[in-house]
Amino acid sequence: MSVFAPEGVSDHAVPLLQGAGLSKTFGIVEVLKDIDLTVRAGEVHAIIGENGAGKSTLMKILAGNHQPTRGELRIDGKPVSFAGPVDAENHGIVLVHQEILLAPDLTVAQNIYLGRELGKGLALDDRTMNEGAAKAVRDLGGDLDPNAIVSRLSIAQRQLVQIARVLLVPHRIVIFDEPTASLTPHETEALLKVIRDIRAKGVGILYISHRLPEVKEIADRVTVLRDGRLVASHETSELQPADMARLMVGRDVAKLYPDRHTAEARETVLNVEDFDVPGYARGASFSLRKGEILGFAGLIGAGRTELMEGLVGLRPGKGKVTFRGHSVAFTDVHSSLKAGVAYLSEDRKGKGLLLTKDLRTNLTLASLGKFIRGFQIDSKRESDALDKAIEDFDIRTATKNILAGQLSGGNQQKLLLAKMMLLDPQVVIIDEPTRGIDIGNKEQIYKFIAGLAEEGRSIIVVSSEMPELIGICDRIHVMRSGTIVGEVEGERMTENEIVQLATGVNAGAGEAA
């Protein structure tokens, strides 16, 4: 019997956590309405839904970040009300946030133990904390130097640090909010193993993910939210990923990737030869044709993002670059944008958008010169441009006056796309276009990308999701350890072929010279 359970009641009779009629209103907008939810000991309960369905708001209520507008929470059958996240943690509920919430200038160990440092006499016990941090990350399948500065880590590595930090807190219920969005398949499998181990100890787990095959693999039960309401709750054995997708979006999503025509016969727009980004990529050579979608695959840390950042001037890089028949060297992102090459960062919240600014400011900032008349900004033209972007890119928002940070992840990505397309680029480089985005918005973004190619623009897509690359790309380059090790197209565009190149298994077969 749990030490928290009501006297005379068994663990199996009473859920660890129960929500009844949970609702939440922000201003005049009701984002959650009458949600009933239970979490049992020793189970993984997945919560799925499109961006904006209310999943993260529900999790924040359960973790003490928000107070419900109405409804009741119970732990072991007893009503509770959390004063904040620390209060929820004291009741055994911990939340692994979707956003990275770490101190960038501190080390891995300092972040993991921040606020709960270990002492040795009057001094900090750095040795014990370093050993504990290394073990915590290793248990998640990672291998990080505990003295590494977090700002120098990749997004995937930062996520592992964040998960390790949360799991150090004594816990009975763990809430994972998109924990694998930034992880490689190997890192994802390691995390799923950790979750299974936690479940085996009788811990209740709430799991949010847009990766429906992953939900099918790990979850015991699935609850589906749509537009802030609970629309279905099933044992996972009763559902296939296609069923989950249909419940999420309210319609069949039978064809995720749009039909396309190959761009093989078109002229070369961009040619890159022996391009180096010191410390990250070396000897990269590739070409991009007009109207083509070219993919870049590889494990996290392979150098794909850094290569693209070097190419557009966000990092120091050198090599021979020919764009539309002219030799170019982009010394900063302004020069690449001016030439007609746009880069959409994988970190849309940190580098792509100003989350504390409104939609209009975010949309027009990169092309502000188009909206200046005389010595002032033409606000009406800006407003008209926002109206058009909302319509063209289906940016879903109750009002145009909200901040960019208040949009769902999928709508933030649409806003970022709209922002860059105001510059009328001929080459668009999109890094992780659908990370943390639900299946309905994925379908739309794939259509947007295909539409850009049909217009004659040339697209480079960097993605860790192999089905995504295979589904939308004409060709795929594979990187490993900072080099392009092979190219696949046609019938060779398979997950098996890409994995072999990315990991070095059967090295030599199909690799570039």
Protein backbone atom coordinates (compact mmCIF):
# COMPACT_ATOMS: atom_id res chain seq x y z
CA MET A 1 0.00 0.00 0.00
CA SER A 2 1.24 3.49 -0.83
CA VAL A 3 2.19 5.67 2.10
CA PHE A 4 -0.05 8.32 0.52
CA ALA A 5 -3.09 6.08 0.03
CA PRO A 6 -6.26 6.63 2.10
CA GLU A 7 -6.51 4.25 5.04
CA GLY A 8 -8.01 0.91 4.08
CA VAL A 9 -7.84 1.59 0.31
CA SER A 10 -5.52 -0.37 -1.97
CA ASP A 11 -3.32 1.21 -4.65
CA HIS A 12 -5.22 -0.66 -7.38
CA ALA A 13 -8.62 0.71 -6.27
CA VAL A 14 -7.59 4.38 -6.28
CA PRO A 15 -5.59 6.06 -9.07
CA LEU A 16 -2.37 7.81 -8.12
CA LEU A 17 -3.68 11.00 -9.70
CA GLN A 18 -7.15 11.96 -10.80
CA GLY A 19 -8.53 15.07 -12.48
CA ALA A 20 -12.27 15.72 -12.61
CA GLY A 21 -13.84 18.47 -14.74
CA LEU A 22 -10.54 20.30 -15.18
CA SER A 23 -11.01 23.57 -17.07
CA LYS A 24 -8.79 26.56 -17.75
CA THR A 25 -9.58 30.00 -19.11
CA PHE A 26 -7.06 32.67 -20.14
CA GLY A 27 -8.90 35.97 -20.42
CA ILE A 28 -11.98 35.22 -22.50
CA VAL A 29 -10.47 32.12 -24.14
CA GLU A 30 -11.30 28.74 -22.62
CA VAL A 31 -8.41 26.46 -23.57
CA LEU A 32 -9.52 23.44 -21.52
CA LYS A 33 -13.09 22.32 -20.81
CA ASP A 34 -14.21 19.60 -18.39
CA ILE A 35 -11.29 17.18 -18.70
CA ASP A 36 -11.48 13.94 -16.71
CA LEU A 37 -8.20 12.07 -16.38
CA THR A 38 -6.63 9.31 -14.27
CA VAL A 39 -3.05 8.13 -13.85
CA ARG A 40 -2.50 4.67 -12.43
CA ALA A 41 0.57 3.27 -10.74
CA GLY A 42 2.88 1.43 -13.14
CA GLU A 43 1.38 2.66 -16.42
CA VAL A 44 2.26 5.03 -19.23
CA HIS A 45 -0.75 7.18 -20.12
CA ALA A 46 -0.24 9.10 -23.38
CA ILE A 47 -1.99 12.43 -24.02
CA ILE A 48 -2.14 13.28 -27.71
CA GLY A 49 -3.72 16.02 -29.81
CA GLU A 50 -2.89 18.73 -32.30
CA ASN A 51 -0.93 21.81 -31.26
CA GLY A 52 -3.33 24.04 -29.37
CA ALA A 53 -5.49 21.11 -28.24
CA GLY A 54 -4.69 21.90 -24.61
CA LYS A 55 -2.16 19.17 -23.79
CA SER A 56 0.57 21.37 -22.33
CA THR A 57 -1.96 23.46 -20.39
CA LEU A 58 -3.37 20.29 -18.84
CA MET A 59 0.11 19.08 -17.91
CA LYS A 60 0.96 22.44 -16.33
CA ILE A 61 -2.17 22.22 -14.18
CA LEU A 62 -1.18 18.75 -13.03
CA ALA A 63 2.38 19.95 -12.30
CA GLY A 64 1.29 23.03 -10.34
CA ASN A 65 2.31 25.65 -12.92
CA HIS A 66 -1.32 26.70 -13.46
CA GLN A 67 -4.37 26.69 -11.23
CA PRO A 68 -7.49 25.23 -12.88
CA THR A 69 -10.32 27.72 -13.41
CA ARG A 70 -12.62 24.96 -12.20
CA GLY A 71 -12.43 21.25 -11.51
CA GLU A 72 -10.67 19.13 -8.91
CA LEU A 73 -7.40 17.24 -8.53
CA ARG A 74 -6.99 14.21 -6.28
CA ILE A 75 -3.92 12.24 -5.22
CA ASP A 76 -4.67 8.78 -3.83
CA GLY A 77 -8.33 9.82 -3.68
CA LYS A 78 -7.72 12.94 -1.58
CA PRO A 79 -8.41 16.44 -2.96
CA VAL A 80 -5.27 18.56 -3.47
CA SER A 81 -4.50 22.07 -4.66
CA PHE A 82 -0.93 22.99 -5.59
CA ALA A 83 0.50 26.38 -4.66
CA GLY A 84 3.11 25.95 -7.39
CA PRO A 85 5.51 23.48 -9.04
CA VAL A 86 7.52 22.94 -5.84
CA ASP A 87 4.33 22.01 -4.01
CA ALA A 88 3.49 19.52 -6.79
CA GLU A 89 7.02 18.09 -6.55
CA ASN A 90 6.54 17.66 -2.81
CA HIS A 91 3.52 15.51 -3.68
CA GLY A 92 5.70 13.46 -6.05
CA ILE A 93 4.71 15.02 -9.41
CA VAL A 94 7.55 16.17 -11.69
CA LEU A 95 7.38 17.65 -15.20
CA VAL A 96 9.93 17.34 -17.99
CA HIS A 97 9.17 20.51 -19.96
CA GLN A 98 9.07 20.66 -23.75
CA GLU A 99 11.06 23.92 -23.61
CA ILE A 100 14.69 23.78 -22.52
CA LEU A 101 14.82 25.40 -19.07
CA LEU A 102 18.53 25.39 -18.23
CA ALA A 103 21.12 28.00 -17.26
CA PRO A 104 23.23 28.24 -20.44
CA ASP A 105 26.41 29.55 -18.78
CA LEU A 106 26.57 26.79 -16.14
CA THR A 107 27.99 23.29 -16.56
CA VAL A 108 26.01 20.09 -17.01
CA ALA A 109 26.54 19.13 -13.37
CA GLN A 110 25.73 22.62 -12.07
CA ASN A 111 22.44 22.59 -13.99
CA ILE A 112 21.45 19.12 -12.81
CA TYR A 113 22.09 20.06 -9.16
CA LEU A 114 21.00 23.70 -9.39
CA GLY A 115 19.02 24.57 -6.26
CA ARG A 116 19.88 21.27 -4.60
CA GLU A 117 23.67 21.43 -4.52
CA LEU A 118 25.62 18.88 -2.47
CA GLY A 119 27.98 20.17 0.21
CA LYS A 120 31.15 18.92 1.79
CA GLY A 121 31.75 20.91 4.92
CA LEU A 122 31.48 24.57 3.98
CA ALA A 123 32.31 23.92 0.31
CA LEU A 124 30.39 22.39 -2.57
CA ASP A 125 31.09 18.73 -3.26
CA ASP A 126 31.87 19.17 -6.95
CA ARG A 127 33.34 15.70 -7.32
CA THR A 128 30.21 13.93 -6.08
CA MET A 129 27.95 16.19 -8.17
CA ASN A 130 30.06 15.57 -11.29
CA GLU A 131 29.90 11.81 -10.72
CA GLY A 132 26.15 11.96 -10.07
CA ALA A 133 25.53 14.10 -13.15
CA ALA A 134 27.58 11.80 -15.38
CA LYS A 135 25.64 8.78 -14.12
CA ALA A 136 22.26 10.50 -14.50
CA VAL A 137 23.01 11.33 -18.14
CA ARG A 138 24.55 7.90 -18.78
CA ASP A 139 21.40 6.24 -17.44
CA LEU A 140 19.53 8.05 -20.22
CA GLY A 141 21.89 6.66 -22.86
CA GLY A 142 23.96 9.85 -23.13
CA ASP A 143 27.68 10.48 -22.67
CA LEU A 144 28.40 14.06 -21.61
CA ASP A 145 31.26 15.70 -19.79
CA PRO A 146 29.70 16.98 -16.53
CA ASN A 147 31.99 20.03 -16.80
CA ALA A 148 30.73 20.95 -20.29
CA ILE A 149 29.05 24.36 -20.56
CA VAL A 150 25.38 23.89 -21.51
CA SER A 151 25.37 26.71 -24.11
CA ARG A 152 27.89 24.68 -26.13
CA LEU A 153 25.71 21.57 -26.23
CA SER A 154 23.32 20.62 -29.01
CA ILE A 155 19.58 20.88 -28.41
CA ALA A 156 19.38 17.09 -28.00
CA GLN A 157 22.14 17.10 -25.41
CA ARG A 158 20.44 19.92 -23.50
CA GLN A 159 17.21 17.94 -23.44
CA LEU A 160 19.03 14.97 -21.92
CA VAL A 161 20.45 17.23 -19.21
CA GLN A 162 16.99 18.58 -18.47
CA ILE A 163 15.49 15.10 -18.18
CA ALA A 164 18.35 13.98 -15.93
CA ARG A 165 17.79 17.00 -13.69
CA VAL A 166 14.07 16.31 -13.28
CA LEU A 167 14.51 12.61 -12.54
CA LEU A 168 16.80 13.37 -9.59
CA VAL A 169 13.72 14.60 -7.69
CA PRO A 170 11.86 11.85 -5.77
CA HIS A 171 8.84 11.12 -7.93
CA ARG A 172 5.64 9.06 -8.04
CA ILE A 173 4.28 10.64 -11.25
CA VAL A 174 6.46 11.86 -14.12
CA ILE A 175 5.04 14.03 -16.89
CA PHE A 176 7.02 13.97 -20.15
CA ASP A 177 6.10 16.79 -22.55
CA GLU A 178 7.53 15.94 -26.00
CA PRO A 179 10.72 14.45 -24.52
CA THR A 180 12.02 12.91 -27.75
CA ALA A 181 11.39 15.82 -30.13
CA SER A 182 15.11 16.63 -30.25
CA LEU A 183 16.53 13.13 -29.85
CA THR A 184 18.06 10.70 -32.32
CA PRO A 185 16.49 7.24 -32.76
CA HIS A 186 19.23 5.77 -30.53
CA GLU A 187 18.68 8.41 -27.85
CA THR A 188 14.91 7.95 -28.13
CA GLU A 189 15.17 4.19 -27.60
CA ALA A 190 17.43 4.77 -24.58
CA LEU A 191 14.85 7.15 -23.09
CA LEU A 192 11.98 4.75 -23.75
CA LYS A 193 13.96 2.07 -21.90
CA VAL A 194 14.35 4.45 -18.95
CA ILE A 195 10.59 5.09 -19.01
CA ARG A 196 9.89 1.36 -18.99
CA ASP A 197 12.23 0.97 -16.03
CA ILE A 198 10.44 3.79 -14.18
CA ARG A 199 7.06 2.22 -14.96
CA ALA A 200 8.26 -1.12 -13.60
CA LYS A 201 8.90 0.58 -10.24
CA GLY A 202 5.22 1.51 -9.96
CA VAL A 203 5.60 5.12 -11.08
CA GLY A 204 2.72 6.64 -13.06
CA ILE A 205 3.78 8.34 -16.30
CA LEU A 206 1.97 10.90 -18.44
CA TYR A 207 3.47 11.07 -21.91
CA ILE A 208 2.89 13.73 -24.57
CA SER A 209 4.24 13.09 -28.06
CA HIS A 210 3.36 13.81 -31.67
CA ARG A 211 5.25 10.68 -32.71
CA LEU A 212 2.33 8.29 -32.89
CA PRO A 213 4.29 5.08 -33.59
CA GLU A 214 6.30 5.94 -30.46
CA VAL A 215 3.05 6.36 -28.50
CA LYS A 216 1.89 2.96 -29.76
CA GLU A 217 5.18 1.45 -28.60
CA ILE A 218 5.41 2.91 -25.09
CA ALA A 219 1.89 3.76 -23.86
CA ASP A 220 -0.63 1.56 -22.04
CA ARG A 221 -3.51 4.01 -22.48
CA VAL A 222 -4.14 6.93 -24.84
CA THR A 223 -6.32 9.99 -24.24
CA VAL A 224 -7.03 12.31 -27.17
CA LEU A 225 -7.70 16.05 -26.81
CA ARG A 226 -9.11 18.27 -29.53
CA ASP A 227 -9.83 22.00 -29.15
CA GLY A 228 -9.51 21.79 -25.36
CA ARG A 229 -11.93 18.89 -24.99
CA LEU A 230 -11.46 15.17 -24.36
CA VAL A 231 -12.70 13.31 -27.42
CA ALA A 232 -11.55 9.74 -26.69
CA SER A 233 -9.69 7.54 -24.23
CA HIS A 234 -8.65 3.99 -25.14
CA GLU A 235 -6.31 1.19 -24.24
CA THR A 236 -3.40 1.51 -26.67
CA SER A 237 -3.94 -2.07 -27.84
CA GLU A 238 -7.26 -0.91 -29.36
CA LEU A 239 -5.65 1.74 -31.61
CA GLN A 240 -3.20 1.96 -34.47
CA PRO A 241 -1.28 5.20 -35.22
CA ALA A 242 -3.69 5.94 -38.09
CA ASP A 243 -6.62 5.70 -35.66
CA MET A 244 -4.88 8.10 -33.28
CA ALA A 245 -4.26 10.58 -36.11
CA ARG A 246 -7.92 10.47 -37.17
CA LEU A 247 -9.09 11.13 -33.61
CA MET A 248 -6.62 14.01 -33.23
CA VAL A 249 -7.59 15.94 -36.35
CA GLY A 250 -11.20 14.79 -36.73
CA ARG A 251 -10.66 13.44 -40.22
CA ASP A 252 -8.65 10.82 -42.08
CA VAL A 253 -5.01 11.72 -42.67
CA ALA A 254 -4.41 9.02 -45.22
CA LYS A 255 -1.83 10.86 -47.27
CA LEU A 256 0.66 12.82 -45.21
CA TYR A 257 3.11 13.67 -47.99
CA PRO A 258 2.05 15.49 -51.17
CA ASP A 259 2.65 14.10 -54.66
CA ARG A 260 5.51 15.83 -56.45
CA HIS A 261 7.29 15.90 -59.78
CA THR A 262 11.05 15.40 -59.82
CA ALA A 263 13.31 18.38 -60.50
CA GLU A 264 16.05 16.23 -62.04
CA ALA A 265 16.16 17.96 -65.43
CA ARG A 266 16.33 21.54 -64.08
CA GLU A 267 19.35 23.80 -63.86
CA THR A 268 21.65 24.01 -60.85
CA VAL A 269 20.93 27.02 -58.63
CA LEU A 270 23.45 26.46 -55.84
CA ASN A 271 26.77 24.62 -56.01
CA VAL A 272 28.99 24.06 -52.99
CA GLU A 273 32.52 22.64 -53.22
CA ASP A 274 34.93 21.66 -50.42
CA PHE A 275 33.13 23.77 -47.82
CA ASP A 276 34.48 23.73 -44.27
CA VAL A 277 32.93 24.94 -41.03
CA PRO A 278 35.85 24.69 -38.57
CA GLY A 279 35.15 22.17 -35.84
CA TYR A 280 31.87 20.99 -37.36
CA ALA A 281 31.97 20.17 -41.08
CA ARG A 282 34.70 19.59 -43.65
CA GLY A 283 34.98 19.08 -47.39
CA ALA A 284 31.24 19.37 -48.03
CA SER A 285 30.30 19.33 -51.70
CA PHE A 286 26.76 19.29 -53.07
CA SER A 287 24.47 20.95 -55.62
CA LEU A 288 20.87 22.12 -55.51
CA ARG A 289 18.60 22.32 -58.55
CA LYS A 290 15.77 24.70 -59.30
CA GLY A 291 12.49 23.43 -57.86
CA GLU A 292 14.22 20.63 -55.96
CA ILE A 293 13.81 19.54 -52.35
CA LEU A 294 17.18 18.29 -51.14
CA GLY A 295 17.38 16.54 -47.78
CA PHE A 296 20.20 16.32 -45.25
CA ALA A 297 20.08 13.33 -42.90
CA GLY A 298 22.39 12.17 -40.13
CA LEU A 299 22.59 11.66 -36.41
CA ILE A 300 22.48 14.60 -34.01
CA GLY A 301 26.00 16.07 -33.96
CA ALA A 302 26.78 15.03 -37.54
CA GLY A 303 27.28 18.68 -38.52
CA ARG A 304 24.18 19.25 -40.66
CA THR A 305 22.95 22.38 -38.86
CA GLU A 306 26.44 23.83 -38.53
CA LEU A 307 27.10 23.29 -42.25
CA MET A 308 23.96 25.24 -43.14
CA GLU A 309 24.76 27.98 -40.62
CA GLY A 310 28.24 28.31 -42.11
CA LEU A 311 26.82 28.43 -45.61
CA VAL A 312 24.51 31.39 -44.84
CA GLY A 313 27.06 33.31 -42.74
CA LEU A 314 25.85 32.49 -39.24
CA ARG A 315 29.17 30.72 -38.58
CA PRO A 316 32.65 31.13 -40.05
CA GLY A 317 32.94 28.94 -43.14
CA LYS A 318 35.07 28.71 -46.24
CA GLY A 319 34.87 26.97 -49.59
CA LYS A 320 33.71 27.56 -53.13
CA VAL A 321 30.04 28.56 -53.35
CA THR A 322 28.32 29.38 -56.63
CA PHE A 323 24.81 30.82 -56.52
CA ARG A 324 22.88 31.39 -59.75
CA GLY A 325 26.11 31.32 -61.77
CA HIS A 326 28.07 33.74 -59.57
CA SER A 327 30.75 33.01 -57.01
CA VAL A 328 29.58 34.17 -53.55
CA ALA A 329 30.83 34.25 -49.97
CA PHE A 330 28.16 35.04 -47.40
CA THR A 331 29.94 36.77 -44.51
CA ASP A 332 26.76 37.21 -42.47
CA VAL A 333 23.09 36.29 -42.63
CA HIS A 334 22.15 39.70 -44.06
CA SER A 335 24.27 39.10 -47.15
CA SER A 336 22.72 35.67 -47.76
CA LEU A 337 19.20 37.04 -47.27
CA LYS A 338 19.91 39.90 -49.64
CA ALA A 339 21.14 37.45 -52.28
CA GLY A 340 18.01 35.35 -51.95
CA VAL A 341 19.02 32.53 -49.57
CA ALA A 342 16.83 32.21 -46.45
CA TYR A 343 17.57 30.00 -43.44
CA LEU A 344 14.88 28.88 -40.96
CA SER A 345 16.58 27.81 -37.73
CA GLU A 346 15.75 24.55 -35.94
CA ASP A 347 15.47 26.68 -32.78
CA ARG A 348 12.45 28.73 -33.83
CA LYS A 349 11.83 29.93 -30.25
CA GLY A 350 15.42 30.92 -29.51
CA LYS A 351 16.62 32.15 -32.92
CA GLY A 352 13.67 32.33 -35.31
CA LEU A 353 11.05 34.43 -33.52
CA LEU A 354 10.80 37.14 -30.87
CA LEU A 355 8.39 35.38 -28.53
CA THR A 356 7.63 38.49 -26.46
CA LYS A 357 6.66 40.55 -29.53
CA ASP A 358 3.39 40.53 -31.44
CA LEU A 359 2.73 38.67 -34.68
CA ARG A 360 3.01 41.73 -36.90
CA THR A 361 6.44 42.67 -35.54
CA ASN A 362 7.72 39.13 -36.02
CA LEU A 363 6.35 38.86 -39.54
CA THR A 364 7.84 42.05 -40.94
CA LEU A 365 11.07 42.47 -38.97
CA ALA A 366 13.37 40.81 -41.53
CA SER A 367 11.82 42.76 -44.45
CA LEU A 368 11.07 46.03 -42.68
CA GLY A 369 12.35 48.11 -45.60
CA LYS A 370 9.28 47.08 -47.59
CA PHE A 371 7.02 48.70 -45.02
CA ILE A 372 8.73 52.07 -44.56
CA ARG A 373 7.23 55.15 -46.18
CA GLY A 374 9.14 58.33 -45.71
CA PHE A 375 10.61 58.15 -42.23
CA GLN A 376 8.06 55.88 -40.60
CA ILE A 377 6.64 52.37 -40.74
CA ASP A 378 3.37 51.97 -42.63
CA SER A 379 1.33 50.15 -39.98
CA LYS A 380 -1.58 49.50 -42.33
CA ARG A 381 0.65 47.75 -44.87
CA GLU A 382 2.09 45.68 -42.03
CA SER A 383 -1.39 44.78 -40.84
CA ASP A 384 -2.47 43.85 -44.39
CA ALA A 385 0.64 41.66 -44.74
CA LEU A 386 -0.25 39.88 -41.50
CA ASP A 387 -3.83 39.29 -42.69
CA LYS A 388 -2.48 37.75 -45.89
CA ALA A 389 0.05 35.60 -44.01
CA ILE A 390 -2.63 34.32 -41.65
CA GLU A 391 -4.77 33.34 -44.64
CA ASP A 392 -2.00 31.96 -46.88
CA PHE A 393 -0.24 29.97 -44.18
CA ASP A 394 -3.34 29.12 -42.14
CA ILE A 395 -1.91 30.63 -38.94
CA ARG A 396 -4.59 29.81 -36.39
CA THR A 397 -5.08 32.44 -33.71
CA ALA A 398 -8.12 33.82 -31.92
CA THR A 399 -6.77 37.36 -32.29
CA LYS A 400 -3.99 39.07 -34.24
CA ASN A 401 -2.85 40.96 -31.14
CA ILE A 402 -1.31 38.05 -29.23
CA LEU A 403 2.43 37.51 -28.74
CA ALA A 404 4.30 35.03 -30.92
CA GLY A 405 5.08 32.97 -27.82
CA GLN A 406 1.36 32.41 -27.28
CA LEU A 407 0.99 30.56 -30.58
CA SER A 408 1.20 26.78 -30.67
CA GLY A 409 4.39 25.24 -32.05
CA GLY A 410 2.86 24.51 -35.43
CA ASN A 411 1.55 28.04 -35.83
CA GLN A 412 4.91 29.48 -34.75
CA GLN A 413 6.53 27.51 -37.57
CA LYS A 414 3.95 28.81 -40.03
CA LEU A 415 4.65 32.37 -38.86
CA LEU A 416 8.38 31.80 -39.35
CA LEU A 417 7.76 30.49 -42.87
CA ALA A 418 5.58 33.50 -43.67
CA LYS A 419 8.25 35.85 -42.29
CA MET A 420 10.97 34.42 -44.52
CA MET A 421 8.78 34.27 -47.62
CA LEU A 422 8.22 38.03 -47.42
CA LEU A 423 11.88 38.24 -48.51
CA ASP A 424 11.03 36.31 -51.72
CA PRO A 425 14.02 33.93 -51.43
CA GLN A 426 15.06 31.63 -54.26
CA VAL A 427 16.69 29.13 -51.91
CA VAL A 428 15.03 28.19 -48.61
CA ILE A 429 16.92 26.15 -46.02
CA ILE A 430 14.61 24.70 -43.36
CA ASP A 431 16.16 23.02 -40.32
CA GLU A 432 13.85 20.51 -38.55
CA PRO A 433 10.66 21.89 -40.16
CA THR A 434 8.20 19.88 -38.04
CA ARG A 435 9.96 19.33 -34.71
CA GLY A 436 7.35 19.28 -31.94
CA ILE A 437 4.50 19.75 -34.41
CA ASP A 438 1.31 17.68 -34.59
CA ILE A 439 0.35 15.55 -37.56
CA GLY A 440 -2.29 17.97 -38.88
CA ASN A 441 0.17 20.86 -39.02
CA LYS A 442 2.87 18.56 -40.43
CA GLU A 443 0.60 17.78 -43.36
CA GLN A 444 0.13 21.51 -44.01
CA ILE A 445 3.83 22.34 -43.72
CA TYR A 446 4.75 19.56 -46.15
CA LYS A 447 2.26 21.04 -48.63
CA PHE A 448 3.76 24.51 -48.12
CA ILE A 449 7.26 23.17 -48.80
CA ALA A 450 6.10 21.26 -51.87
CA GLY A 451 4.29 24.39 -53.07
CA LEU A 452 7.49 26.45 -52.79
CA ALA A 453 9.29 23.89 -54.94
CA GLU A 454 6.47 23.92 -57.50
CA GLU A 455 6.91 27.70 -57.72
CA GLY A 456 10.51 27.08 -58.79
CA ARG A 457 12.17 27.79 -55.46
CA SER A 458 14.89 25.41 -54.28
CA ILE A 459 14.60 23.86 -50.82
CA ILE A 460 17.07 22.24 -48.44
CA VAL A 461 15.49 20.31 -45.57
CA VAL A 462 17.55 19.23 -42.57
CA SER A 463 15.65 16.68 -40.49
CA SER A 464 16.18 13.93 -37.93
CA GLU A 465 12.95 12.24 -39.06
CA MET A 466 13.82 9.84 -41.85
CA PRO A 467 10.21 9.21 -42.99
CA GLU A 468 9.86 12.98 -43.39
CA LEU A 469 12.93 13.26 -45.61
CA ILE A 470 11.95 10.21 -47.66
CA GLY A 471 8.41 11.51 -48.01
CA ILE A 472 9.16 15.01 -49.31
CA CYS A 473 12.68 15.03 -50.80
CA ASP A 474 13.97 14.36 -54.32
CA ARG A 475 17.43 13.41 -53.04
CA ILE A 476 19.01 13.00 -49.60
CA HIS A 477 22.62 13.62 -48.55
CA VAL A 478 23.74 11.78 -45.42
CA MET A 479 26.29 13.25 -43.02
CA ARG A 480 28.44 11.54 -40.42
CA SER A 481 31.08 13.13 -38.17
CA GLY A 482 31.10 16.39 -40.11
CA THR A 483 31.34 14.94 -43.62
CA ILE A 484 28.88 14.06 -46.36
CA VAL A 485 29.27 10.29 -46.64
CA GLY A 486 26.70 9.47 -49.27
CA GLU A 487 23.70 10.41 -51.38
CA VAL A 488 20.52 8.40 -51.84
CA GLU A 489 17.68 8.89 -54.29
CA GLY A 490 14.95 6.92 -56.00
CA GLU A 491 14.62 3.36 -54.73
CA ARG A 492 17.67 3.79 -52.48
CA MET A 493 15.83 6.36 -50.35
CA THR A 494 15.05 3.94 -47.52
CA GLU A 495 15.51 4.18 -43.76
CA ASN A 496 17.85 1.19 -43.83
CA GLU A 497 20.12 2.82 -46.43
CA ILE A 498 20.20 6.13 -44.54
CA VAL A 499 20.91 4.49 -41.18
CA GLN A 500 23.79 2.48 -42.61
CA LEU A 501 25.40 5.62 -43.99
CA ALA A 502 24.70 7.71 -40.89
CA THR A 503 26.14 5.15 -38.48
CA GLY A 504 28.99 3.80 -40.60
CA VAL A 505 27.55 0.28 -40.68
CA ASN A 506 28.74 -1.37 -43.91
CA ALA A 507 30.86 1.74 -44.50
CA GLY A 508 31.91 2.02 -48.09
CA ALA A 509 28.71 0.72 -49.62
CA GLY A 510 27.20 3.63 -51.48
CA GLU A 511 29.43 6.21 -49.78
CA ALA A 512 30.73 9.22 -51.59
CA ALA A 513 34.37 9.11 -52.50
